[in-house]
Protein backbone atom coordinates (compact mmCIF):
# COMPACT_ATOMS: atom_id res chain seq x y z
CA UNK A 1 35.51 71.19 51.60
CA UNK A 2 37.16 71.31 48.31
CA UNK A 3 34.64 69.54 46.19
CA UNK A 4 35.01 66.59 43.68
CA UNK A 5 38.29 65.21 42.42
CA UNK A 6 40.23 67.33 39.86
CA UNK A 7 38.87 66.19 36.57
CA UNK A 8 38.43 69.48 34.55
CA UNK A 9 41.19 72.00 34.20
CA UNK A 10 41.95 75.44 32.87
CA UNK A 11 45.05 76.53 31.13
CA UNK A 12 48.03 74.73 32.62
CA UNK A 13 46.41 73.71 36.01
CA UNK A 14 43.64 71.59 37.30
CA UNK A 15 40.65 73.02 39.01
CA UNK A 16 38.38 71.40 41.60
CA UNK A 17 35.30 73.12 40.26
CA UNK A 18 33.69 72.15 36.92
CA UNK A 19 34.18 75.04 34.40
CA UNK A 20 31.07 75.57 32.52
CA UNK A 21 30.84 77.59 29.25
CA UNK A 22 27.37 77.27 27.74
CA UNK A 23 28.34 79.48 24.80
CA UNK A 24 30.89 77.02 23.60
CA UNK A 25 28.21 74.24 23.44
CA UNK A 26 25.87 76.57 21.59
CA UNK A 27 28.68 77.43 19.01
CA UNK A 28 29.31 73.70 18.53
CA UNK A 29 25.71 72.91 18.04
CA UNK A 30 25.11 75.82 15.68
CA UNK A 31 28.20 74.92 13.63
CA UNK A 32 27.20 71.21 13.45
CA UNK A 33 23.70 72.14 12.37
CA UNK A 34 25.00 74.79 9.80
CA UNK A 35 22.65 77.14 11.36
CA UNK A 36 24.51 80.33 10.92
CA UNK A 37 24.42 82.20 7.51
CA UNK A 38 27.87 81.96 5.68
CA UNK A 39 29.50 79.87 8.43
CA UNK A 40 30.07 76.30 7.75
CA UNK A 41 32.91 75.55 10.20
CA UNK A 42 34.95 76.72 13.28
CA UNK A 43 37.46 78.13 10.85
CA UNK A 44 34.78 80.42 9.19
CA UNK A 45 33.83 81.60 12.57
CA UNK A 46 37.34 82.35 13.66
CA UNK A 47 38.02 84.29 10.41
CA UNK A 48 35.17 86.85 11.28
CA UNK A 49 36.61 90.15 12.54
CA UNK A 50 34.81 92.79 14.62
CA UNK A 51 35.25 96.13 12.85
CA UNK A 52 37.32 98.74 14.59
CA UNK A 53 35.10 100.88 16.72
CA UNK A 54 32.48 98.31 17.23
CA UNK A 55 32.20 95.82 20.09
CA UNK A 56 30.10 93.21 18.36
CA UNK A 57 28.68 92.01 15.17
CA UNK A 58 25.24 90.37 14.50
CA UNK A 59 25.33 86.89 13.09
CA UNK A 60 22.31 85.63 11.23
CA UNK A 61 20.65 82.30 11.42
CA UNK A 62 19.61 80.30 8.41
CA UNK A 63 15.84 80.44 8.00
CA UNK A 64 15.62 76.75 7.70
CA UNK A 65 16.71 76.22 11.28
CA UNK A 66 14.63 78.98 13.02
CA UNK A 67 11.82 76.74 14.24
CA UNK A 68 14.15 73.76 15.06
CA UNK A 69 14.75 72.73 18.75
CA UNK A 70 18.33 73.22 19.77
CA UNK A 71 18.70 69.73 21.30
CA UNK A 72 16.86 67.26 19.01
CA UNK A 73 15.91 63.62 19.46
CA UNK A 74 18.01 60.79 17.95
CA UNK A 75 16.99 57.44 16.93
CA UNK A 76 18.99 54.46 15.69
CA UNK A 77 16.90 54.17 12.62
CA UNK A 78 16.67 57.72 11.53
CA UNK A 79 19.61 59.48 13.28
CA UNK A 80 18.72 63.07 14.38
CA UNK A 81 15.15 64.11 13.84
CA UNK A 82 13.42 67.29 14.16
CA UNK A 83 11.54 66.52 17.52
CA UNK A 84 12.84 67.93 20.79
CA UNK A 85 15.09 65.67 22.90
CA UNK A 86 13.08 64.32 25.81
CA UNK A 87 14.04 65.82 29.15
CA UNK A 88 14.86 62.42 30.69
CA UNK A 89 17.33 61.66 27.79
CA UNK A 90 19.05 65.03 28.41
CA UNK A 91 19.28 64.38 32.18
CA UNK A 92 20.57 60.85 31.67
CA UNK A 93 23.30 62.03 29.28
CA UNK A 94 24.21 64.92 31.57
CA UNK A 95 24.49 62.81 34.69
CA UNK A 96 26.52 60.15 32.95
CA UNK A 97 28.96 62.84 31.66
CA UNK A 98 29.30 64.24 35.24
CA UNK A 99 29.88 60.57 36.74
CA UNK A 100 32.56 59.80 34.08
CA UNK A 101 34.22 63.07 35.01
CA UNK A 102 34.40 62.14 38.65
CA UNK A 103 31.48 64.28 39.84
CA UNK A 104 29.49 61.83 41.87
CA UNK A 105 27.28 64.19 43.88
CA UNK A 106 23.78 64.83 42.63
CA UNK A 107 24.55 67.73 40.39
CA UNK A 108 21.91 69.53 38.60
CA UNK A 109 22.05 71.95 35.78
CA UNK A 110 21.20 74.82 38.16
CA UNK A 111 24.09 73.88 40.42
CA UNK A 112 26.44 74.02 37.47
CA UNK A 113 25.12 77.45 36.47
CA UNK A 114 25.49 78.76 40.10
CA UNK A 115 29.12 77.84 40.29
């Protein structure tokens, strides 16, 4: 059996498997929170060059975000607050996103990671 309808794709072609890149989500969250020292935008991140002879560079977090939860609670009155997002809220958003994308089976976060 092939899986759900083609909703997600990769360069130039559709793929029947949801392609999951958790690193991209964490980059987006870090940039939105201005959590990385000297990096305010995606453009700033893309300008960083790894020095010749090295295979990585260390990025530093702003001290002000070190104790914040990655996924935070949002309210209509206050917007994003510094409390963790409740698990039920995350799961509701996650399942709604999968349904809108055409994945109607009872997908779990663990199933996405295993694929």
